[in-house]
Amino acid sequence: MMRINAALLGRMVRRLACRSAPDIRTLASRNWTLCPAEETQTPPAIHLPGEVDRIQGLSPWRERNSELGLIAGGKTSHAASQAHLLENVELVGAWLYKGAAAAQPGYGKRQWLLRNAPPAQRLVETHLITVSTGSHFFGCLMLDDYPLALLPEPGAHCTLMPTQTYPHDAPYRQMLGLAHGTPVERARIDKLILYTDFAQNSLKARRYEKLRAKLRTCAQRQTQPGTGVYLRRGRTGELRLLENEAQIEHTLANLGFEIIDQMALSAAEIARRTLDAPLVVAVEGSQLSHAIYSAAPDAVFVVLQPPTRFAMAYKEFTDRVGMRFAFLVGEQAAEGFTVSPSHLLRLLDLVTTMKARAL
């Protein structure tokens, strides 16, 4: 059966009438602060001399001054976390509609015609625990959506919106005790609680630690952790191909690193193999999130950066939980980039020296 998306039609009419498209959060009937804005002191990123000069371009989601600030460390500002109560909201697919406002927390295109759409549910009150970043990218799912799921009070009704298909999502939610949201495709919601929760403030830090502690109750190593782990990216996700990945893996394996092919392993096996890893090496990207809840408390994330797609997203995480972040910038190649093994070895020597000084 095919239906017109009445919520979208109504939104367009109201938008034309008021000649504006307000942010949906500005229509909240109530707002409250969960954690005020804060400032912290963060350490600089670990890198070799001249590394910043090798950066040719940034990820489209990042901004140069912010990245340079993360590299340098120092005083860092963190926005507040807030909750917003919206009344009489319609949920259709990946979208929320209220008045002239629309928002896309979920994954999926906006559709005028709804094919085989289920009848709209009626939800009296629910908390939305899907974030746009997480519905589109696996790394953000673990960094943003999983901590968000801890904000509602125990027993509160929670709603999940459509996301990309992530094979490891459901198993991780089960291990972390987060499997309590109800997937919804269409609904009329009397009271919807939305969250603004992107900041790496102390409230986020407490939830990271809670998730890390929970994972440890599920994952157990059978041997002592080795030198570290390398999380293989290969051709998964948005292409950031390390063309000499086999050479880098061989170099790291000779140092005692365990090579982890995250696409070939279950979430439970990845958690077991990465548990208490002191060093986590990987190409910049979502696969790094496989170690955020399992790496050692004083771990160092060593991130191999494509020269034309530099990003410091995971330093925001390591700064928040007391870990350290190191990076090197590779050389542009035909399909992607390459990393010199000697360049990597020099960085790892620097990381080891700095860890030893911190003891």
Protein backbone atom coordinates (compact mmCIF):
# COMPACT_ATOMS: atom_id res chain seq x y z
CA MET A 1 0.00 0.00 0.00
CA MET A 2 1.26 3.50 -0.86
CA ARG A 3 0.63 6.56 1.30
CA ILE A 4 1.51 10.24 0.93
CA ASN A 5 3.95 11.42 3.56
CA ALA A 6 1.46 13.75 5.24
CA ALA A 7 4.00 14.83 7.86
CA LEU A 8 6.41 16.05 5.17
CA LEU A 9 3.59 17.76 3.24
CA GLY A 10 2.40 19.54 6.38
CA ARG A 11 5.91 20.64 7.20
CA MET A 12 6.42 22.13 3.72
CA VAL A 13 3.13 24.06 3.92
CA ARG A 14 4.03 25.48 7.33
CA ARG A 15 7.54 26.32 6.19
CA LEU A 16 6.17 28.30 3.24
CA ALA A 17 3.69 30.07 5.50
CA CYS A 18 6.28 31.20 8.05
CA ARG A 19 9.12 31.51 5.50
CA SER A 20 11.59 29.76 7.79
CA ALA A 21 12.86 26.31 8.69
CA PRO A 22 13.57 26.40 12.43
CA ASP A 23 15.82 23.96 14.26
CA ILE A 24 13.46 21.41 15.76
CA ARG A 25 15.00 21.89 19.22
CA THR A 26 13.89 25.53 19.27
CA LEU A 27 10.28 24.27 19.36
CA ALA A 28 10.80 22.44 22.65
CA SER A 29 8.29 23.17 25.41
CA ARG A 30 10.97 22.54 28.03
CA ASN A 31 14.80 22.42 28.06
CA TRP A 32 17.07 21.39 30.89
CA THR A 33 20.81 21.05 31.40
CA LEU A 34 22.28 17.65 32.24
CA CYS A 35 25.90 18.85 32.40
CA PRO A 36 27.02 22.49 32.17
CA ALA A 37 29.71 23.69 29.79
CA GLU A 38 33.22 22.94 31.06
CA GLU A 39 36.90 23.50 30.36
CA THR A 40 39.71 20.96 30.68
CA GLN A 41 43.44 20.78 30.03
CA THR A 42 44.36 18.26 27.36
CA PRO A 43 47.77 16.88 26.36
CA PRO A 44 49.28 17.45 22.91
CA ALA A 45 49.16 14.75 20.30
CA ILE A 46 52.31 12.65 20.01
CA HIS A 47 53.96 13.04 16.63
CA LEU A 48 57.33 13.35 14.93
CA PRO A 49 58.81 16.73 13.93
CA GLY A 50 57.44 18.20 10.70
CA GLU A 51 54.33 16.01 10.71
CA VAL A 52 51.83 18.87 10.59
CA ASP A 53 53.49 20.21 7.42
CA ARG A 54 52.66 16.92 5.68
CA ILE A 55 48.90 17.49 5.98
CA GLN A 56 47.41 18.29 2.56
CA GLY A 57 43.70 18.23 3.34
CA LEU A 58 41.12 17.43 6.02
CA SER A 59 38.15 15.13 6.37
CA PRO A 60 35.04 16.97 5.11
CA TRP A 61 33.64 16.76 8.65
CA ARG A 62 36.59 18.50 10.32
CA GLU A 63 37.82 22.11 10.60
CA ARG A 64 41.47 23.16 10.47
CA ASN A 65 41.65 25.37 13.54
CA SER A 66 39.96 22.71 15.66
CA GLU A 67 42.38 20.06 14.41
CA LEU A 68 45.40 22.26 15.14
CA GLY A 69 44.02 22.89 18.63
CA LEU A 70 43.68 19.17 19.25
CA ILE A 71 47.24 18.60 18.03
CA ALA A 72 48.62 21.31 20.33
CA GLY A 73 46.52 20.42 23.39
CA GLY A 74 45.94 22.90 26.20
CA LYS A 75 42.74 24.51 27.44
CA THR A 76 39.73 22.88 25.77
CA SER A 77 36.10 23.95 25.97
CA HIS A 78 33.27 21.42 26.17
CA ALA A 79 29.66 22.38 25.47
CA ALA A 80 26.81 21.52 27.80
CA SER A 81 24.70 18.38 27.48
CA GLN A 82 20.99 19.18 27.37
CA ALA A 83 17.59 17.53 27.13
CA HIS A 84 14.64 18.93 25.16
CA LEU A 85 10.96 18.01 25.50
CA LEU A 86 9.01 18.29 22.25
CA GLU A 87 5.28 17.69 22.06
CA ASN A 88 3.23 16.35 19.16
CA VAL A 89 6.05 15.09 16.93
CA GLU A 90 5.70 12.81 13.92
CA LEU A 91 8.36 10.21 13.10
CA VAL A 92 8.52 8.93 9.53
CA GLY A 93 11.46 6.76 8.51
CA ALA A 94 14.68 8.62 9.26
CA TRP A 95 12.96 11.94 9.92
CA LEU A 96 11.19 13.85 12.69
CA TYR A 97 8.59 16.52 11.90
CA LYS A 98 7.10 19.23 14.09
CA GLY A 99 5.45 22.32 12.66
CA ALA A 100 7.78 23.88 10.08
CA ALA A 101 10.78 22.01 11.47
CA ALA A 102 12.33 18.72 10.40
CA ALA A 103 15.35 16.77 11.60
CA GLN A 104 17.09 13.62 10.37
CA PRO A 105 18.46 11.58 13.27
CA GLY A 106 18.07 8.34 11.28
CA TYR A 107 19.50 6.94 8.08
CA GLY A 108 17.43 7.18 4.91
CA LYS A 109 16.13 9.51 2.26
CA ARG A 110 13.15 11.79 2.73
CA GLN A 111 10.22 10.31 0.79
CA TRP A 112 7.02 11.90 -0.47
CA LEU A 113 5.43 8.51 -1.11
CA LEU A 114 5.58 5.81 1.55
CA ARG A 115 5.54 2.37 -0.01
CA ASN A 116 4.48 -0.54 2.22
CA ALA A 117 4.69 1.78 5.22
CA PRO A 118 3.27 0.38 8.46
CA PRO A 119 0.49 2.27 10.24
CA ALA A 120 1.76 4.98 12.58
CA GLN A 121 2.19 3.94 16.19
CA ARG A 122 1.04 6.17 19.04
CA LEU A 123 3.79 6.80 21.58
CA VAL A 124 2.81 8.68 24.72
CA GLU A 125 6.35 9.48 25.88
CA THR A 126 9.71 8.25 24.61
CA HIS A 127 13.41 9.14 24.57
CA LEU A 128 15.20 9.19 21.20
CA ILE A 129 18.54 7.37 21.45
CA THR A 130 19.58 7.54 17.78
CA VAL A 131 21.96 10.27 16.60
CA SER A 132 22.43 11.32 12.99
CA THR A 133 26.19 10.73 13.13
CA GLY A 134 25.75 7.23 14.51
CA SER A 135 23.04 6.26 12.05
CA HIS A 136 25.45 7.07 9.21
CA PHE A 137 28.86 5.96 10.58
CA PHE A 138 29.76 2.94 12.72
CA GLY A 139 32.47 4.75 14.68
CA CYS A 140 30.03 7.48 15.69
CA LEU A 141 27.48 4.82 16.64
CA MET A 142 29.86 3.58 19.33
CA LEU A 143 31.15 7.03 20.31
CA ASP A 144 27.82 8.90 20.29
CA ASP A 145 24.79 6.59 20.31
CA TYR A 146 26.00 4.10 22.91
CA PRO A 147 26.74 6.72 25.61
CA LEU A 148 23.47 8.48 24.72
CA ALA A 149 21.54 5.30 25.54
CA LEU A 150 22.65 5.68 29.17
CA LEU A 151 20.99 9.09 29.63
CA PRO A 152 17.33 8.07 30.04
CA GLU A 153 16.31 6.83 33.47
CA PRO A 154 16.13 3.03 33.87
CA GLY A 155 12.76 1.80 32.68
CA ALA A 156 12.10 4.80 30.41
CA HIS A 157 10.73 4.01 26.97
CA CYS A 158 13.42 4.55 24.32
CA THR A 159 13.12 4.76 20.55
CA LEU A 160 15.63 3.77 17.88
CA MET A 161 15.42 5.14 14.34
CA PRO A 162 16.78 3.45 11.18
CA THR A 163 20.55 3.20 10.80
CA GLN A 164 22.90 1.74 8.26
CA THR A 165 23.34 -2.01 8.64
CA TYR A 166 26.16 -2.67 11.11
CA PRO A 167 26.82 -6.38 11.72
CA HIS A 168 28.52 -5.69 15.07
CA ASP A 169 25.87 -3.32 16.45
CA ALA A 170 23.43 -5.75 18.07
CA PRO A 171 26.16 -7.92 19.67
CA TYR A 172 27.90 -4.86 21.13
CA ARG A 173 24.62 -3.51 22.50
CA GLN A 174 24.01 -6.89 24.13
CA MET A 175 27.46 -6.96 25.74
CA LEU A 176 27.13 -3.36 26.91
CA GLY A 177 23.61 -3.80 28.26
CA LEU A 178 22.09 -1.36 25.75
CA ALA A 179 19.60 -3.63 23.98
CA HIS A 180 16.50 -1.82 25.26
CA GLY A 181 15.50 0.59 22.49
CA THR A 182 12.48 -0.12 20.28
CA PRO A 183 13.00 0.37 16.50
CA VAL A 184 10.25 2.59 15.08
CA GLU A 185 9.42 3.34 11.43
CA ARG A 186 6.33 5.54 11.86
CA ALA A 187 4.88 7.11 14.97
CA ARG A 188 2.89 10.00 16.37
CA ILE A 189 4.60 10.97 19.58
CA ASP A 190 2.88 12.96 22.31
CA LYS A 191 6.09 13.70 24.21
CA LEU A 192 9.56 13.18 22.75
CA ILE A 193 12.77 13.80 24.69
CA LEU A 194 15.68 14.73 22.42
CA TYR A 195 19.25 15.23 23.60
CA THR A 196 22.07 17.57 22.67
CA ASP A 197 25.03 15.44 23.71
CA PHE A 198 27.93 15.88 21.28
CA ALA A 199 30.37 17.41 23.79
CA GLN A 200 33.17 15.50 25.50
CA ASN A 201 32.24 16.79 28.97
CA SER A 202 32.48 15.04 32.33
CA LEU A 203 29.03 13.49 31.93
CA LYS A 204 30.21 11.84 28.71
CA ALA A 205 33.39 10.67 30.50
CA ARG A 206 31.38 8.93 33.23
CA ARG A 207 29.32 7.09 30.64
CA TYR A 208 32.42 6.03 28.69
CA GLU A 209 33.84 4.56 31.89
CA LYS A 210 30.57 2.79 32.67
CA LEU A 211 30.58 1.19 29.22
CA ARG A 212 34.24 0.22 29.55
CA ALA A 213 33.54 -1.41 32.91
CA LYS A 214 30.53 -3.26 31.51
CA LEU A 215 32.53 -4.66 28.59
CA ARG A 216 35.06 -6.10 31.02
CA THR A 217 32.36 -8.22 32.60
CA CYS A 218 31.80 -9.89 29.21
CA ALA A 219 35.24 -10.03 27.57
CA GLN A 220 38.08 -12.02 29.06
CA ARG A 221 41.53 -12.53 27.59
CA GLN A 222 43.01 -16.02 27.70
CA THR A 223 46.56 -14.64 27.56
CA GLN A 224 48.35 -11.49 28.65
CA PRO A 225 48.06 -8.60 26.16
CA GLY A 226 51.01 -8.33 23.79
CA THR A 227 52.68 -5.22 22.41
CA GLY A 228 49.41 -3.95 20.96
CA VAL A 229 46.82 -4.51 18.26
CA TYR A 230 46.50 -3.41 14.66
CA LEU A 231 42.90 -2.98 13.46
CA ARG A 232 42.77 -3.71 9.75
CA ARG A 233 40.65 -1.35 7.65
CA GLY A 234 41.30 -2.63 4.15
CA ARG A 235 38.62 -1.44 1.74
CA THR A 236 35.81 -1.22 4.29
CA GLY A 237 33.80 1.97 4.81
CA GLU A 238 34.66 5.14 2.91
CA LEU A 239 37.83 4.27 1.03
CA ARG A 240 41.00 5.21 2.90
CA LEU A 241 43.22 2.57 1.37
CA LEU A 242 46.60 1.95 2.94
CA GLU A 243 48.22 0.51 -0.17
CA ASN A 244 51.12 -1.12 1.68
CA GLU A 245 48.97 -2.44 4.52
CA ALA A 246 50.47 -5.93 4.22
CA GLN A 247 53.97 -4.46 4.71
CA ILE A 248 52.82 -2.45 7.75
CA GLU A 249 51.12 -5.51 9.23
CA HIS A 250 54.31 -7.55 8.78
CA THR A 251 56.34 -4.82 10.52
CA LEU A 252 53.92 -4.68 13.44
CA ALA A 253 53.60 -8.46 13.74
CA ASN A 254 57.39 -8.68 14.12
CA LEU A 255 57.06 -6.29 17.09
CA GLY A 256 54.48 -8.52 18.78
CA PHE A 257 51.30 -6.77 17.59
CA GLU A 258 48.18 -8.84 17.01
CA ILE A 259 46.61 -8.19 13.60
CA ILE A 260 42.81 -8.01 13.85
CA ASP A 261 40.56 -8.29 10.81
CA GLN A 262 37.43 -6.75 12.29
CA MET A 263 35.20 -7.78 9.40
CA ALA A 264 36.06 -11.46 9.87
CA LEU A 265 35.44 -11.60 13.63
CA SER A 266 32.46 -11.34 15.95
CA ALA A 267 32.11 -8.39 18.32
CA ALA A 268 32.81 -10.70 21.26
CA GLU A 269 36.03 -11.98 19.68
CA ILE A 270 37.21 -8.47 18.82
CA ALA A 271 36.53 -7.34 22.39
CA ARG A 272 38.46 -10.31 23.76
CA ARG A 273 41.46 -9.73 21.51
CA THR A 274 41.64 -5.98 22.09
CA LEU A 275 41.07 -6.15 25.86
CA ASP A 276 43.75 -4.20 27.73
CA ALA A 277 45.77 -3.56 24.56
CA PRO A 278 48.42 -0.94 25.47
CA LEU A 279 48.79 0.30 21.88
CA VAL A 280 46.08 0.50 19.21
CA VAL A 281 47.31 1.15 15.66
CA ALA A 282 44.98 1.71 12.72
CA VAL A 283 44.23 3.85 9.71
CA GLU A 284 42.02 6.76 10.75
CA GLY A 285 38.41 5.59 10.62
CA SER A 286 35.49 3.87 12.28
CA GLN A 287 37.28 0.59 12.96
CA LEU A 288 39.20 2.38 15.75
CA SER A 289 35.96 2.32 17.77
CA HIS A 290 36.35 -1.43 18.25
CA ALA A 291 38.98 -0.63 20.88
CA ILE A 292 37.49 2.36 22.71
CA TYR A 293 35.77 0.26 25.37
CA SER A 294 38.39 -2.49 25.58
CA ALA A 295 41.86 -0.91 25.29
CA ALA A 296 43.99 -0.50 28.44
CA PRO A 297 43.14 2.52 30.63
CA ASP A 298 46.48 4.14 29.67
CA ALA A 299 46.44 3.02 26.03
CA VAL A 300 47.85 5.06 23.18
CA PHE A 301 45.92 5.24 19.90
CA VAL A 302 48.42 5.48 17.03
CA VAL A 303 46.52 6.67 13.98
CA LEU A 304 47.80 6.44 10.41
CA GLN A 305 46.46 9.48 8.58
CA PRO A 306 45.83 9.84 4.83
CA PRO A 307 47.55 13.11 3.86
CA THR A 308 44.46 14.45 2.08
CA ARG A 309 41.87 13.33 4.69
CA PHE A 310 43.38 14.16 8.06
CA ALA A 311 41.05 13.86 11.10
CA MET A 312 41.55 14.04 14.88
CA ALA A 313 38.13 12.75 15.99
CA TYR A 314 39.54 10.00 18.19
CA LYS A 315 41.78 12.41 20.10
CA GLU A 316 38.60 13.95 21.48
CA PHE A 317 37.84 10.51 22.95
CA THR A 318 41.35 9.71 24.22
CA ASP A 319 41.61 13.13 25.87
CA ARG A 320 38.33 12.51 27.68
CA VAL A 321 39.26 9.09 29.13
CA GLY A 322 42.91 9.77 29.99
CA MET A 323 44.49 7.90 27.09
CA ARG A 324 47.00 9.39 24.66
CA PHE A 325 46.80 9.96 20.92
CA ALA A 326 49.63 9.73 18.38
CA PHE A 327 49.55 10.15 14.62
CA LEU A 328 51.66 10.06 11.50
CA VAL A 329 50.78 11.35 8.05
CA GLY A 330 51.37 9.06 5.09
CA GLU A 331 52.31 9.72 1.48
CA GLN A 332 49.71 10.08 -1.27
CA ALA A 333 49.55 7.11 -3.66
CA ALA A 334 47.51 6.04 -6.70
CA GLU A 335 44.48 4.60 -4.87
CA GLY A 336 45.09 5.84 -1.37
CA PHE A 337 48.24 6.39 0.63
CA THR A 338 51.31 4.59 1.95
CA VAL A 339 53.15 4.63 5.27
CA SER A 340 56.89 4.14 5.57
CA PRO A 341 57.66 1.30 8.01
CA SER A 342 60.70 3.23 9.29
CA HIS A 343 58.50 6.29 9.84
CA LEU A 344 56.09 4.18 11.88
CA LEU A 345 58.90 2.56 13.89
CA ARG A 346 60.27 5.98 14.82
CA LEU A 347 56.84 7.06 16.04
CA LEU A 348 56.37 3.87 18.05
CA ASP A 349 59.80 4.41 19.65
CA LEU A 350 58.68 7.92 20.63
CA VAL A 351 55.40 6.59 22.05
CA THR A 352 57.23 3.91 24.06
CA THR A 353 59.67 6.48 25.45
CA MET A 354 56.87 8.82 26.49
CA LYS A 355 54.92 5.99 28.13
CA ALA A 356 58.03 4.98 30.08
CA ARG A 357 58.53 8.57 31.30
CA ALA A 358 54.92 8.66 32.50
CA LEU A 359 55.41 5.67 34.80
